[in-house]
């Protein structure tokens, strides 16, 4: 019988050699595979079929050029990507990210995580991710439209409602989804559910904009409830100020918590009295309509603003006390030092709204200090879950009410929480949400891959 450590270690080492210069992908593979060690002894059939080796290689990785013309009449050239990672349990499903940092390694990490996240939702969706190094920040609406059209001129041939269904991510919101879907519809002359996150007027779902943020808080609430706690009166640190952060703040307020922070790439605000519904309305207008900077919130509401510092740096360096942390900004925003800052701040619960916001050393700090730790693939699965529900509504040619979708989302997040706990206990890691999430998602995908033979 193969030794679990040697099987897993060999796969991780091969990834680092064959996928050199992709540190984010290495990190994601290591984080997932090290928690899968208990499955090696229990499932020799996975070892024999080389499931561990196969699951870390995408079905295909598509790279293409995206030429477009800016408002000055200059030709610009960006790179476009789509990573179709694994469709063992359903069509590829995962967002599109438009940001200067986008590269093959980052999208492979996101697509790899998406496999297990989607499996946890119980919906039939595979894992994928895509995007471009295009930066929509500072661009006019016309420039964004021309770029989206150019991007879709190539992407359209790789996607479809039963093949690959992209959605939004960082830099891709309602405006971009509208342009992308409009051009897709024009090219193929079909009105199908090929993108999610669409506007309500043309096939979108209620609760989709709120889903990731709501789901992150729902998952945290489940972890707290399982340990006799809740959000009432708790000080909550939220990072970021985009879609996920905004609706995490809203749901924290609904559950009686006190959200006291948010941030953008320029700095962080701390509002000790709490970001209530009126202040949140200002934040939504600032970020979604005026596309302004978070400092304007501080100026308007006369609260502290820390230029150039993240939420977690402010907590560490200025002794801010928090009970619950919701990292909702970007990958690797928390390292070992900043995680120790959360320990010192009195934090005992972390629920991840962003994708892989904590590095491996930060996760170890959470676990060593007994945190309730909700990893991203479980805690932020609400977004893709409601994307799946949007796909269902498109296929059935109907639209569910806000209450119906929210109830389904809450039910999915409760189910994911239960899967994490039950799986962790079944594999000898009681209470370990990270192990439970990774194994829970992996087993479903691995069994499907096994059923197909060697393909």
Protein backbone atom coordinates (compact mmCIF):
# COMPACT_ATOMS: atom_id res chain seq x y z
CA UNK A 1 0.00 0.00 0.00
CA UNK A 2 1.31 3.47 -0.89
CA UNK A 3 2.34 5.71 1.93
CA UNK A 4 0.08 8.79 1.98
CA UNK A 5 2.90 11.23 2.66
CA UNK A 6 5.01 9.93 -0.22
CA UNK A 7 2.12 9.99 -2.74
CA UNK A 8 1.08 13.52 -1.80
CA UNK A 9 4.64 14.79 -1.50
CA UNK A 10 5.55 13.44 -4.94
CA UNK A 11 2.58 15.17 -6.58
CA UNK A 12 3.38 18.49 -4.89
CA UNK A 13 7.04 18.31 -5.92
CA UNK A 14 6.12 17.49 -9.54
CA UNK A 15 3.79 20.49 -9.66
CA UNK A 16 6.55 22.78 -8.41
CA UNK A 17 8.92 21.48 -11.08
CA UNK A 18 6.53 21.30 -14.03
CA UNK A 19 4.62 24.50 -13.18
CA UNK A 20 7.60 26.63 -12.19
CA UNK A 21 7.14 30.36 -11.48
CA UNK A 22 3.51 29.86 -10.44
CA UNK A 23 3.72 30.39 -6.64
CA UNK A 24 0.00 30.93 -6.09
CA UNK A 25 -0.79 27.66 -7.84
CA UNK A 26 1.89 25.85 -5.81
CA UNK A 27 0.36 27.26 -2.63
CA UNK A 28 -3.17 26.16 -3.56
CA UNK A 29 -2.04 22.65 -4.50
CA UNK A 30 -0.03 22.27 -1.29
CA UNK A 31 -2.87 23.58 0.87
CA UNK A 32 -5.37 21.14 -0.64
CA UNK A 33 -3.21 18.03 -1.11
CA UNK A 34 -1.62 18.03 2.34
CA UNK A 35 -5.10 17.79 3.84
CA UNK A 36 -5.95 14.90 1.50
CA UNK A 37 -3.38 12.54 3.07
CA UNK A 38 -6.05 10.64 5.07
CA UNK A 39 -7.77 9.71 1.79
CA UNK A 40 -4.75 7.86 0.38
CA UNK A 41 -4.97 4.91 2.76
CA UNK A 42 -8.79 4.80 2.63
CA UNK A 43 -8.96 4.94 -1.16
CA UNK A 44 -6.22 2.87 -2.83
CA UNK A 45 -8.35 3.00 -5.98
CA UNK A 46 -7.57 6.74 -6.24
CA UNK A 47 -3.85 6.00 -6.01
CA UNK A 48 -4.02 3.27 -8.67
CA UNK A 49 -5.96 5.52 -11.08
CA UNK A 50 -3.52 8.41 -10.40
CA UNK A 51 -6.38 10.70 -9.38
CA UNK A 52 -4.06 12.89 -7.29
CA UNK A 53 -1.72 13.39 -10.25
CA UNK A 54 -4.56 14.03 -12.70
CA UNK A 55 -6.57 16.47 -10.61
CA UNK A 56 -3.74 19.04 -10.48
CA UNK A 57 -3.51 19.29 -14.30
CA UNK A 58 -6.17 21.37 -16.10
CA UNK A 59 -8.22 19.77 -18.85
CA UNK A 60 -7.00 22.70 -20.94
CA UNK A 61 -5.51 26.16 -20.52
CA UNK A 62 -6.42 28.70 -23.20
CA UNK A 63 -4.28 31.82 -23.83
CA UNK A 64 -5.22 34.43 -26.44
CA UNK A 65 -4.42 38.01 -27.42
CA UNK A 66 -7.01 40.76 -26.97
CA UNK A 67 -6.36 43.79 -29.22
CA UNK A 68 -8.59 46.83 -28.71
CA UNK A 69 -8.57 50.61 -29.34
CA UNK A 70 -8.60 53.16 -26.49
CA UNK A 71 -10.29 56.58 -26.50
CA UNK A 72 -7.15 58.20 -27.89
CA UNK A 73 -7.25 55.92 -30.93
CA UNK A 74 -4.22 53.92 -29.77
CA UNK A 75 -4.17 50.15 -30.23
CA UNK A 76 -3.77 48.28 -26.93
CA UNK A 77 -2.97 44.58 -26.56
CA UNK A 78 -3.84 42.49 -23.51
CA UNK A 79 -3.69 38.78 -22.75
CA UNK A 80 -6.85 36.75 -22.26
CA UNK A 81 -7.08 33.41 -20.45
CA UNK A 82 -9.55 30.65 -19.72
CA UNK A 83 -8.53 27.70 -17.54
CA UNK A 84 -10.96 24.83 -17.97
CA UNK A 85 -9.71 22.81 -15.03
CA UNK A 86 -12.10 19.95 -14.36
CA UNK A 87 -15.61 19.11 -15.60
CA UNK A 88 -16.05 15.74 -13.89
CA UNK A 89 -19.30 16.73 -12.16
CA UNK A 90 -20.65 19.44 -14.48
CA UNK A 91 -19.84 22.25 -16.93
CA UNK A 92 -16.78 24.34 -16.10
CA UNK A 93 -17.87 27.17 -13.80
CA UNK A 94 -15.84 30.07 -12.47
CA UNK A 95 -15.35 33.80 -12.76
CA UNK A 96 -13.48 36.16 -15.04
CA UNK A 97 -10.95 38.49 -13.41
CA UNK A 98 -9.75 41.73 -15.06
CA UNK A 99 -6.70 42.99 -13.17
CA UNK A 100 -3.06 43.80 -14.04
CA UNK A 101 -1.86 40.97 -11.76
CA UNK A 102 -3.66 38.27 -13.76
CA UNK A 103 -1.38 35.56 -15.11
CA UNK A 104 -1.49 31.83 -15.77
CA UNK A 105 -0.43 30.83 -12.24
CA UNK A 106 -3.04 32.96 -10.49
CA UNK A 107 -5.83 31.68 -12.72
CA UNK A 108 -4.72 28.07 -12.26
CA UNK A 109 -4.83 28.54 -8.47
CA UNK A 110 -8.32 30.04 -8.73
CA UNK A 111 -9.54 27.34 -11.11
CA UNK A 112 -8.11 24.58 -8.93
CA UNK A 113 -9.84 25.96 -5.82
CA UNK A 114 -13.05 26.30 -7.82
CA UNK A 115 -13.20 22.52 -8.44
CA UNK A 116 -13.67 21.76 -4.74
CA UNK A 117 -15.73 24.82 -3.92
CA UNK A 118 -18.25 23.96 -6.63
CA UNK A 119 -18.38 20.34 -5.53
CA UNK A 120 -19.24 21.42 -1.99
CA UNK A 121 -22.32 23.35 -3.16
CA UNK A 122 -23.96 20.00 -4.15
CA UNK A 123 -24.78 21.57 -7.56
CA UNK A 124 -23.49 19.96 -10.79
CA UNK A 125 -20.66 22.37 -11.64
CA UNK A 126 -17.03 21.78 -12.60
CA UNK A 127 -14.16 24.15 -11.95
CA UNK A 128 -12.72 26.85 -14.19
CA UNK A 129 -11.41 30.42 -14.14
CA UNK A 130 -10.41 33.08 -16.62
CA UNK A 131 -9.71 36.71 -17.21
CA UNK A 132 -7.18 39.21 -18.48
CA UNK A 133 -4.40 41.54 -17.38
CA UNK A 134 -6.63 44.42 -18.53
CA UNK A 135 -7.23 47.03 -15.81
CA UNK A 136 -10.73 48.57 -15.93
CA UNK A 137 -9.75 51.12 -13.27
CA UNK A 138 -9.55 54.57 -14.80
CA UNK A 139 -11.00 53.45 -18.13
CA UNK A 140 -14.07 55.06 -19.69
CA UNK A 141 -17.24 53.04 -20.20
CA UNK A 142 -16.56 53.04 -23.94
CA UNK A 143 -13.05 51.66 -23.42
CA UNK A 144 -14.35 48.92 -21.12
CA UNK A 145 -17.03 48.08 -23.68
CA UNK A 146 -14.53 47.84 -26.54
CA UNK A 147 -12.24 45.65 -24.47
CA UNK A 148 -15.09 43.32 -23.42
CA UNK A 149 -16.18 42.96 -27.04
CA UNK A 150 -12.61 42.12 -28.11
CA UNK A 151 -12.25 39.63 -25.24
CA UNK A 152 -15.52 37.88 -26.13
CA UNK A 153 -14.56 37.67 -29.82
CA UNK A 154 -12.23 34.84 -28.83
CA UNK A 155 -13.81 33.54 -25.62
CA UNK A 156 -17.19 32.80 -27.24
CA UNK A 157 -15.84 29.74 -29.07
CA UNK A 158 -14.80 28.09 -25.78
CA UNK A 159 -17.95 28.61 -23.65
CA UNK A 160 -21.59 27.54 -23.64
CA UNK A 161 -24.43 26.76 -21.18
CA UNK A 162 -23.47 23.07 -21.04
CA UNK A 163 -19.74 23.54 -21.67
CA UNK A 164 -18.30 26.44 -19.66
CA UNK A 165 -20.24 29.17 -17.85
CA UNK A 166 -18.11 32.15 -16.72
CA UNK A 167 -19.15 34.79 -14.20
CA UNK A 168 -17.68 37.94 -12.66
CA UNK A 169 -14.75 38.34 -10.28
CA UNK A 170 -12.38 41.20 -9.42
CA UNK A 171 -12.75 43.91 -12.08
CA UNK A 172 -15.75 42.22 -13.68
CA UNK A 173 -19.04 43.51 -12.33
CA UNK A 174 -22.48 44.17 -13.76
CA UNK A 175 -21.19 46.62 -16.37
CA UNK A 176 -18.64 44.18 -17.75
CA UNK A 177 -21.01 41.19 -17.65
CA UNK A 178 -23.54 43.23 -19.65
CA UNK A 179 -21.02 44.07 -22.36
CA UNK A 180 -19.67 40.51 -22.48
CA UNK A 181 -23.10 38.89 -22.67
CA UNK A 182 -24.41 41.40 -25.19
CA UNK A 183 -21.57 40.63 -27.57
CA UNK A 184 -21.84 36.86 -27.03
CA UNK A 185 -25.56 37.03 -27.82
CA UNK A 186 -24.83 39.04 -30.98
CA UNK A 187 -22.20 36.58 -32.23
CA UNK A 188 -24.06 33.30 -31.62
CA UNK A 189 -27.61 34.66 -32.04
CA UNK A 190 -28.82 32.83 -28.95
CA UNK A 191 -30.18 33.97 -25.58
CA UNK A 192 -28.80 31.26 -23.29
CA UNK A 193 -27.49 31.05 -19.72
CA UNK A 194 -23.83 31.22 -20.74
CA UNK A 195 -22.78 33.87 -18.20
CA UNK A 196 -23.97 34.33 -14.64
CA UNK A 197 -24.15 37.55 -12.68
CA UNK A 198 -26.36 38.95 -15.43
CA UNK A 199 -28.75 41.85 -14.91
CA UNK A 200 -32.25 40.94 -13.76
CA UNK A 201 -33.66 42.32 -17.01
CA UNK A 202 -31.83 39.76 -19.14
CA UNK A 203 -31.70 36.54 -17.13
CA UNK A 204 -29.98 37.31 -13.85
CA UNK A 205 -30.95 36.05 -10.42
CA UNK A 206 -32.04 37.94 -7.36
CA UNK A 207 -29.48 37.72 -4.52
CA UNK A 208 -26.60 37.03 -6.96
CA UNK A 209 -24.77 40.32 -6.20
CA UNK A 210 -25.17 39.69 -2.47
CA UNK A 211 -24.48 35.95 -2.52
CA UNK A 212 -20.75 35.71 -1.79
CA UNK A 213 -20.85 38.23 1.03
CA UNK A 214 -24.06 36.81 2.51
CA UNK A 215 -22.72 33.27 2.24
CA UNK A 216 -19.46 34.17 3.98
CA UNK A 217 -21.43 35.53 6.93
CA UNK A 218 -23.89 32.62 6.92
CA UNK A 219 -20.96 30.20 7.13
CA UNK A 220 -19.41 32.18 9.99
CA UNK A 221 -22.78 32.17 11.76
CA UNK A 222 -22.94 28.36 11.43
CA UNK A 223 -19.43 27.99 12.90
CA UNK A 224 -20.34 30.31 15.76
CA UNK A 225 -23.66 28.55 16.43
CA UNK A 226 -21.92 25.17 16.55
CA UNK A 227 -19.85 26.61 19.40
CA UNK A 228 -22.61 28.39 21.28
CA UNK A 229 -21.90 31.87 19.90
CA UNK A 230 -23.46 34.36 17.48
CA UNK A 231 -22.81 37.75 15.83
CA UNK A 232 -24.80 39.90 18.28
CA UNK A 233 -22.67 42.75 19.58
CA UNK A 234 -19.46 41.33 18.09
CA UNK A 235 -16.87 43.63 16.51
CA UNK A 236 -16.24 42.47 12.94
CA UNK A 237 -13.28 43.41 10.73
CA UNK A 238 -14.03 43.30 7.00
CA UNK A 239 -11.37 43.92 4.37
CA UNK A 240 -12.02 45.27 0.89
CA UNK A 241 -14.91 47.45 -0.25
CA UNK A 242 -16.11 45.64 -3.35
CA UNK A 243 -19.11 43.46 -3.90
CA UNK A 244 -18.19 40.74 -1.37
CA UNK A 245 -17.26 43.19 1.38
CA UNK A 246 -20.34 45.36 0.88
CA UNK A 247 -22.83 42.55 1.31
CA UNK A 248 -20.85 40.88 4.09
CA UNK A 249 -21.21 44.18 5.98
CA UNK A 250 -24.95 44.24 5.23
CA UNK A 251 -25.50 40.70 6.52
CA UNK A 252 -23.34 41.30 9.63
CA UNK A 253 -25.65 44.21 10.44
CA UNK A 254 -28.70 42.00 9.87
CA UNK A 255 -27.35 39.47 12.38
CA UNK A 256 -26.60 42.10 15.03
CA UNK A 257 -22.85 42.39 14.54
CA UNK A 258 -20.83 45.63 14.36
CA UNK A 259 -18.73 45.92 11.17
CA UNK A 260 -16.00 48.45 11.92
CA UNK A 261 -13.60 48.37 8.95
CA UNK A 262 -13.33 48.34 5.18
CA UNK A 263 -10.54 49.18 2.78
CA UNK A 264 -9.33 49.63 -0.78
CA UNK A 265 -5.92 49.58 -2.43
CA UNK A 266 -5.17 53.06 -1.05
CA UNK A 267 -5.95 52.54 2.62
CA UNK A 268 -8.32 51.51 5.43
CA UNK A 269 -11.11 53.20 7.39
CA UNK A 270 -12.01 52.32 10.99
CA UNK A 271 -15.51 53.30 12.09
CA UNK A 272 -15.75 52.42 15.79
CA UNK A 273 -19.49 53.14 15.91
CA UNK A 274 -20.11 50.61 13.14
CA UNK A 275 -20.86 50.82 9.42
CA UNK A 276 -24.65 50.92 9.70
CA UNK A 277 -27.16 50.71 6.86
CA UNK A 278 -27.07 54.45 6.09
CA UNK A 279 -23.27 54.48 5.94
CA UNK A 280 -23.30 51.32 3.86
CA UNK A 281 -25.62 53.02 1.35
CA UNK A 282 -23.01 55.78 1.01
CA UNK A 283 -20.29 53.14 0.54
CA UNK A 284 -22.27 51.36 -2.18
CA UNK A 285 -22.80 54.59 -4.08
CA UNK A 286 -19.14 55.57 -3.63
CA UNK A 287 -17.78 52.30 -4.95
CA UNK A 288 -20.44 51.09 -7.41
CA UNK A 289 -21.55 54.35 -9.02
CA UNK A 290 -18.94 57.07 -8.45
CA UNK A 291 -16.04 54.57 -8.34
CA UNK A 292 -14.33 56.70 -5.70
CA UNK A 293 -11.74 55.93 -3.03
CA UNK A 294 -12.46 54.77 0.52
CA UNK A 295 -10.92 57.96 1.97
CA UNK A 296 -14.10 59.76 0.94
CA UNK A 297 -15.98 57.62 3.50
CA UNK A 298 -13.59 58.81 6.21
CA UNK A 299 -13.97 62.43 5.15
CA UNK A 300 -17.77 62.18 5.04
CA UNK A 301 -18.25 60.37 8.36
CA UNK A 302 -15.29 61.84 10.27
CA UNK A 303 -13.66 58.50 11.08
CA UNK A 304 -10.04 57.35 11.11
CA UNK A 305 -8.32 56.68 7.80
CA UNK A 306 -4.99 54.88 7.49
CA UNK A 307 -3.27 55.65 4.20
CA UNK A 308 -1.40 52.75 2.62
CA UNK A 309 -2.33 50.20 5.30
CA UNK A 310 -4.52 47.11 4.99
CA UNK A 311 -7.19 46.30 7.56
CA UNK A 312 -4.94 43.63 9.05
CA UNK A 313 -1.95 45.98 9.29
CA UNK A 314 -4.12 48.52 11.12
CA UNK A 315 -5.27 45.83 13.56
CA UNK A 316 -1.70 44.73 14.22
CA UNK A 317 -0.04 48.14 14.37
CA UNK A 318 -2.74 50.14 16.14
CA UNK A 319 -4.09 47.60 18.65
CA UNK A 320 -7.60 47.40 17.23
CA UNK A 321 -9.77 44.83 19.05
CA UNK A 322 -11.97 42.53 16.96
CA UNK A 323 -13.92 39.34 17.54
CA UNK A 324 -14.49 38.13 13.98
CA UNK A 325 -12.46 38.64 10.80
CA UNK A 326 -13.89 38.48 7.28
CA UNK A 327 -11.05 38.84 4.74
CA UNK A 328 -12.86 39.82 1.54
CA UNK A 329 -10.22 41.67 -0.51
CA UNK A 330 -7.78 39.42 -2.37
CA UNK A 331 -5.42 36.44 -2.19
CA UNK A 332 -2.67 36.33 0.46
CA UNK A 333 -3.74 39.47 2.28
CA UNK A 334 -2.97 37.73 5.59
CA UNK A 335 0.45 36.27 6.42
CA UNK A 336 1.88 34.83 9.64
CA UNK A 337 2.65 38.21 11.18
CA UNK A 338 -0.80 39.65 10.46
CA UNK A 339 -2.50 36.45 11.66
CA UNK A 340 -0.62 36.84 14.96
CA UNK A 341 -2.03 40.37 15.05
CA UNK A 342 -5.52 38.87 14.97
CA UNK A 343 -4.63 36.61 17.89
CA UNK A 344 -3.46 39.65 19.87
CA UNK A 345 -6.64 41.51 18.86
CA UNK A 346 -8.79 38.86 20.57
CA UNK A 347 -10.15 37.45 17.32
CA UNK A 348 -11.45 33.86 17.44
CA UNK A 349 -13.26 33.42 14.11
CA UNK A 350 -12.10 33.87 10.50
CA UNK A 351 -14.46 33.31 7.56
CA UNK A 352 -12.87 33.90 4.17
CA UNK A 353 -14.83 35.90 1.61
CA UNK A 354 -11.93 36.30 -0.83
CA UNK A 355 -10.17 33.44 -2.60
CA UNK A 356 -7.19 32.16 -0.56
CA UNK A 357 -6.76 35.39 1.45
CA UNK A 358 -4.63 33.62 4.09
CA UNK A 359 -1.27 32.10 3.26
CA UNK A 360 -0.22 28.72 4.65
CA UNK A 361 1.58 30.25 7.63
CA UNK A 362 -1.45 32.35 8.55
CA UNK A 363 -3.67 29.25 8.45
CA UNK A 364 -1.28 27.47 10.82
CA UNK A 365 -1.60 30.38 13.28
CA UNK A 366 -5.40 30.11 13.17
CA UNK A 367 -5.29 26.39 13.80
CA UNK A 368 -2.64 26.55 16.50
CA UNK A 369 -4.72 29.14 18.36
CA UNK A 370 -8.03 27.30 18.13
CA UNK A 371 -9.74 29.73 15.74
CA UNK A 372 -13.00 28.85 14.06
CA UNK A 373 -11.56 28.95 10.56
CA UNK A 374 -13.81 28.87 7.50
CA UNK A 375 -11.62 28.36 4.41
CA UNK A 376 -12.54 30.17 1.23
CA UNK A 377 -13.69 27.16 -0.76
CA UNK A 378 -16.39 26.60 1.88
CA UNK A 379 -17.06 30.07 3.27
CA UNK A 380 -17.24 31.99 -0.01
CA UNK A 381 -19.06 29.30 -2.01
CA UNK A 382 -22.29 31.30 -1.79
CA UNK A 383 -21.47 33.26 -4.92
CA UNK A 384 -21.01 30.29 -7.18
CA UNK A 385 -23.93 28.53 -5.49
CA UNK A 386 -26.31 31.30 -6.56
CA UNK A 387 -24.63 31.33 -9.98
CA UNK A 388 -25.67 27.69 -10.17
CA UNK A 389 -29.18 28.68 -9.14
CA UNK A 390 -29.13 31.34 -11.88
CA UNK A 391 -28.19 28.62 -14.38
CA UNK A 392 -31.13 26.54 -13.12
CA UNK A 393 -33.55 29.45 -13.49
CA UNK A 394 -32.28 30.14 -17.03
CA UNK A 395 -32.72 26.48 -18.00
CA UNK A 396 -36.25 26.38 -16.59
CA UNK A 397 -37.17 29.79 -18.06
CA UNK A 398 -38.42 31.12 -14.75
CA UNK A 399 -37.36 33.46 -11.95
CA UNK A 400 -37.46 32.73 -8.24
CA UNK A 401 -38.29 35.40 -5.66
CA UNK A 402 -35.65 37.04 -3.50
CA UNK A 403 -36.88 35.07 -0.50
CA UNK A 404 -36.71 31.75 -2.38
CA UNK A 405 -33.12 32.33 -3.55
CA UNK A 406 -31.95 33.55 -0.14
CA UNK A 407 -33.51 30.51 1.54
CA UNK A 408 -31.79 28.20 -0.95
CA UNK A 409 -28.47 30.01 -0.36
CA UNK A 410 -28.80 29.67 3.41
CA UNK A 411 -29.65 25.98 2.99
CA UNK A 412 -26.58 25.42 0.80
CA UNK A 413 -24.26 27.17 3.27
CA UNK A 414 -25.71 25.08 6.12
CA UNK A 415 -25.16 21.96 4.02
CA UNK A 416 -21.54 22.93 3.27
CA UNK A 417 -20.93 23.54 6.98
CA UNK A 418 -22.35 20.12 7.86
CA UNK A 419 -20.29 18.43 5.10
CA UNK A 420 -17.11 20.04 6.44
CA UNK A 421 -17.74 18.89 10.01
CA UNK A 422 -18.97 15.39 9.12
CA UNK A 423 -16.11 14.75 6.67
CA UNK A 424 -13.45 16.04 9.05
CA UNK A 425 -14.71 13.71 11.77
CA UNK A 426 -14.94 10.74 9.37
CA UNK A 427 -11.27 11.19 8.46
CA UNK A 428 -10.02 11.67 12.00
CA UNK A 429 -9.79 15.48 12.01
CA UNK A 430 -12.79 16.46 14.10
CA UNK A 431 -13.56 20.19 13.98
CA UNK A 432 -11.03 20.89 11.20
CA UNK A 433 -13.03 22.85 8.62
CA UNK A 434 -10.10 23.08 6.20
CA UNK A 435 -9.62 19.31 6.03
CA UNK A 436 -13.37 18.73 5.91
CA UNK A 437 -13.87 21.17 3.03
CA UNK A 438 -10.97 19.83 0.98
CA UNK A 439 -11.78 16.15 1.43
CA UNK A 440 -15.54 16.72 1.09
CA UNK A 441 -15.10 18.38 -2.30
CA UNK A 442 -12.34 16.05 -3.46
CA UNK A 443 -14.17 12.76 -2.81
CA UNK A 444 -17.13 13.73 -4.99
CA UNK A 445 -14.90 14.81 -7.91
CA UNK A 446 -12.52 11.85 -7.51
CA UNK A 447 -15.35 9.31 -7.61
CA UNK A 448 -16.71 10.89 -10.80
CA UNK A 449 -13.25 10.83 -12.40
CA UNK A 450 -12.89 7.17 -11.40
CA UNK A 451 -16.22 6.30 -13.01
CA UNK A 452 -15.09 7.71 -16.37
CA UNK A 453 -11.96 5.56 -16.57
CA UNK A 454 -8.69 7.05 -17.79
CA UNK A 455 -9.77 10.21 -19.63
